[in-house]
């Protein structure tokens, strides 16, 4: 009919659903990397009690832009490592000491915890560069 608007029966994903998927992806990456709860909380920049709720599926808050940015970078690093490495480095690289000038002998995880989002961006670019990306 002319002049009518078609409506979709699909329900858009709510922010809570989106946040739950984001938290699950980050939690899985951290588990594969062998991070402790404290390292996970520090890298995601939340108190450990909040991280424990997130990890356990009991988080009822809303992720802000900072957390969504961190999650995007973490998932990107995780995916890049899976595409580049084969074997133990696939999941072990983030926790191992790294002599590259960027990391200064620290593990990439420690470097990212200490440097926050700027260090996470630099790590993501480094990983993308390893596989011939950016």
Protein backbone atom coordinates (compact mmCIF):
# COMPACT_ATOMS: atom_id res chain seq x y z
CA UNK A 1 0.00 0.00 0.00
CA UNK A 2 1.13 3.48 -0.76
CA UNK A 3 1.98 5.59 2.24
CA UNK A 4 2.36 2.74 4.71
CA UNK A 5 5.50 1.98 6.62
CA UNK A 6 6.70 -1.58 6.88
CA UNK A 7 7.53 -2.71 10.39
CA UNK A 8 9.99 -5.43 11.22
CA UNK A 9 9.00 -8.18 13.62
CA UNK A 10 12.62 -8.49 14.71
CA UNK A 11 13.37 -7.09 18.14
CA UNK A 12 16.56 -5.06 18.22
CA UNK A 13 19.23 -6.34 20.57
CA UNK A 14 19.06 -4.46 23.83
CA UNK A 15 22.11 -2.78 25.30
CA UNK A 16 22.05 -5.33 28.13
CA UNK A 17 22.23 -8.19 25.62
CA UNK A 18 25.03 -6.44 23.73
CA UNK A 19 26.94 -5.80 26.96
CA UNK A 20 26.57 -9.46 27.96
CA UNK A 21 28.04 -10.59 24.63
CA UNK A 22 30.92 -8.11 24.97
CA UNK A 23 31.70 -9.27 28.51
CA UNK A 24 31.58 -12.92 27.46
CA UNK A 25 34.01 -12.30 24.59
CA UNK A 26 36.45 -10.41 26.81
CA UNK A 27 36.20 -13.04 29.54
CA UNK A 28 36.96 -15.81 27.04
CA UNK A 29 39.98 -13.96 25.65
CA UNK A 30 41.33 -13.43 29.16
CA UNK A 31 40.77 -17.09 30.03
CA UNK A 32 42.67 -18.21 26.92
CA UNK A 33 45.50 -15.84 27.80
CA UNK A 34 45.66 -17.22 31.35
CA UNK A 35 45.05 -13.90 33.08
CA UNK A 36 44.31 -13.86 36.78
CA UNK A 37 41.13 -12.19 37.99
CA UNK A 38 43.21 -9.23 39.16
CA UNK A 39 44.97 -8.87 35.79
CA UNK A 40 41.61 -9.15 34.03
CA UNK A 41 40.07 -6.49 36.27
CA UNK A 42 43.09 -4.21 35.79
CA UNK A 43 43.13 -4.59 32.01
CA UNK A 44 39.39 -4.00 31.74
CA UNK A 45 39.77 -1.15 34.28
CA UNK A 46 37.14 -2.26 36.76
CA UNK A 47 37.31 -3.16 40.46
CA UNK A 48 37.94 -6.86 41.02
CA UNK A 49 34.51 -7.33 42.60
CA UNK A 50 32.93 -5.91 39.43
CA UNK A 51 35.10 -8.17 37.25
CA UNK A 52 34.03 -11.19 39.29
CA UNK A 53 30.36 -10.26 38.74
CA UNK A 54 31.03 -9.76 35.03
CA UNK A 55 32.84 -13.06 34.71
CA UNK A 56 30.12 -14.86 36.65
CA UNK A 57 27.28 -13.38 34.57
CA UNK A 58 25.88 -11.38 37.48
CA UNK A 59 26.85 -7.90 36.23
CA UNK A 60 23.77 -5.67 36.01
CA UNK A 61 25.48 -2.41 35.08
CA UNK A 62 25.95 -0.80 31.71
CA UNK A 63 29.25 -0.73 29.83
CA UNK A 64 30.44 2.79 29.12
CA UNK A 65 32.38 3.84 26.02
CA UNK A 66 35.73 3.22 27.77
CA UNK A 67 34.83 -0.43 28.41
CA UNK A 68 33.48 -0.91 24.90
CA UNK A 69 36.70 0.53 23.47
CA UNK A 70 38.80 -1.75 25.66
CA UNK A 71 36.68 -4.73 24.65
CA UNK A 72 37.06 -3.92 20.95
CA UNK A 73 40.83 -3.68 21.30
CA UNK A 74 41.07 -6.88 23.34
CA UNK A 75 38.97 -8.87 20.88
CA UNK A 76 40.95 -7.42 17.97
CA UNK A 77 44.25 -8.42 19.58
CA UNK A 78 42.87 -11.88 20.38
CA UNK A 79 41.68 -12.38 16.80
CA UNK A 80 44.92 -11.05 15.32
CA UNK A 81 46.99 -13.45 17.43
CA UNK A 82 44.83 -16.38 16.37
CA UNK A 83 45.31 -15.45 12.73
CA UNK A 84 49.07 -14.91 13.02
CA UNK A 85 50.36 -17.55 15.42
CA UNK A 86 50.00 -21.30 15.40
CA UNK A 87 50.69 -23.20 18.59
CA UNK A 88 51.49 -22.00 22.10
CA UNK A 89 52.10 -18.35 21.12
CA UNK A 90 48.49 -18.06 19.97
CA UNK A 91 47.40 -17.69 23.58
CA UNK A 92 50.73 -17.36 25.40
CA UNK A 93 52.08 -14.25 23.66
CA UNK A 94 50.14 -11.68 25.74
CA UNK A 95 51.63 -12.92 29.03
CA UNK A 96 55.20 -13.56 27.88
CA UNK A 97 58.03 -11.05 28.25
CA UNK A 98 58.56 -9.09 25.06
CA UNK A 99 61.86 -7.51 24.03
CA UNK A 100 60.32 -5.33 21.32
CA UNK A 101 61.06 -1.68 22.06
CA UNK A 102 57.33 -0.99 22.41
CA UNK A 103 57.00 -3.34 25.38
CA UNK A 104 60.40 -2.71 26.98
CA UNK A 105 60.74 -6.24 28.35
CA UNK A 106 57.25 -6.26 29.88
CA UNK A 107 54.58 -8.68 28.84
CA UNK A 108 52.04 -7.10 26.48
CA UNK A 109 49.40 -7.53 29.20
CA UNK A 110 51.50 -5.65 31.78
CA UNK A 111 52.28 -2.98 29.18
CA UNK A 112 48.56 -2.54 28.43
CA UNK A 113 47.58 -2.48 32.11
CA UNK A 114 50.22 0.16 32.81
CA UNK A 115 49.46 2.25 29.71
CA UNK A 116 45.68 1.96 29.41
CA UNK A 117 43.86 2.50 26.15
CA UNK A 118 46.80 4.19 24.34
CA UNK A 119 48.98 1.14 25.06
CA UNK A 120 46.15 -1.17 24.01
CA UNK A 121 45.86 0.70 20.70
CA UNK A 122 49.61 0.43 20.17
CA UNK A 123 49.52 -3.31 20.96
CA UNK A 124 46.64 -3.82 18.53
CA UNK A 125 48.57 -1.99 15.82
CA UNK A 126 51.64 -4.09 16.58
CA UNK A 127 49.69 -7.33 16.26
CA UNK A 128 48.03 -6.12 13.06
CA UNK A 129 51.48 -5.21 11.74
CA UNK A 130 52.78 -8.70 12.47
CA UNK A 131 50.20 -10.17 10.17
CA UNK A 132 50.82 -7.59 7.46
CA UNK A 133 47.91 -5.36 8.34
CA UNK A 134 48.04 -1.73 9.37
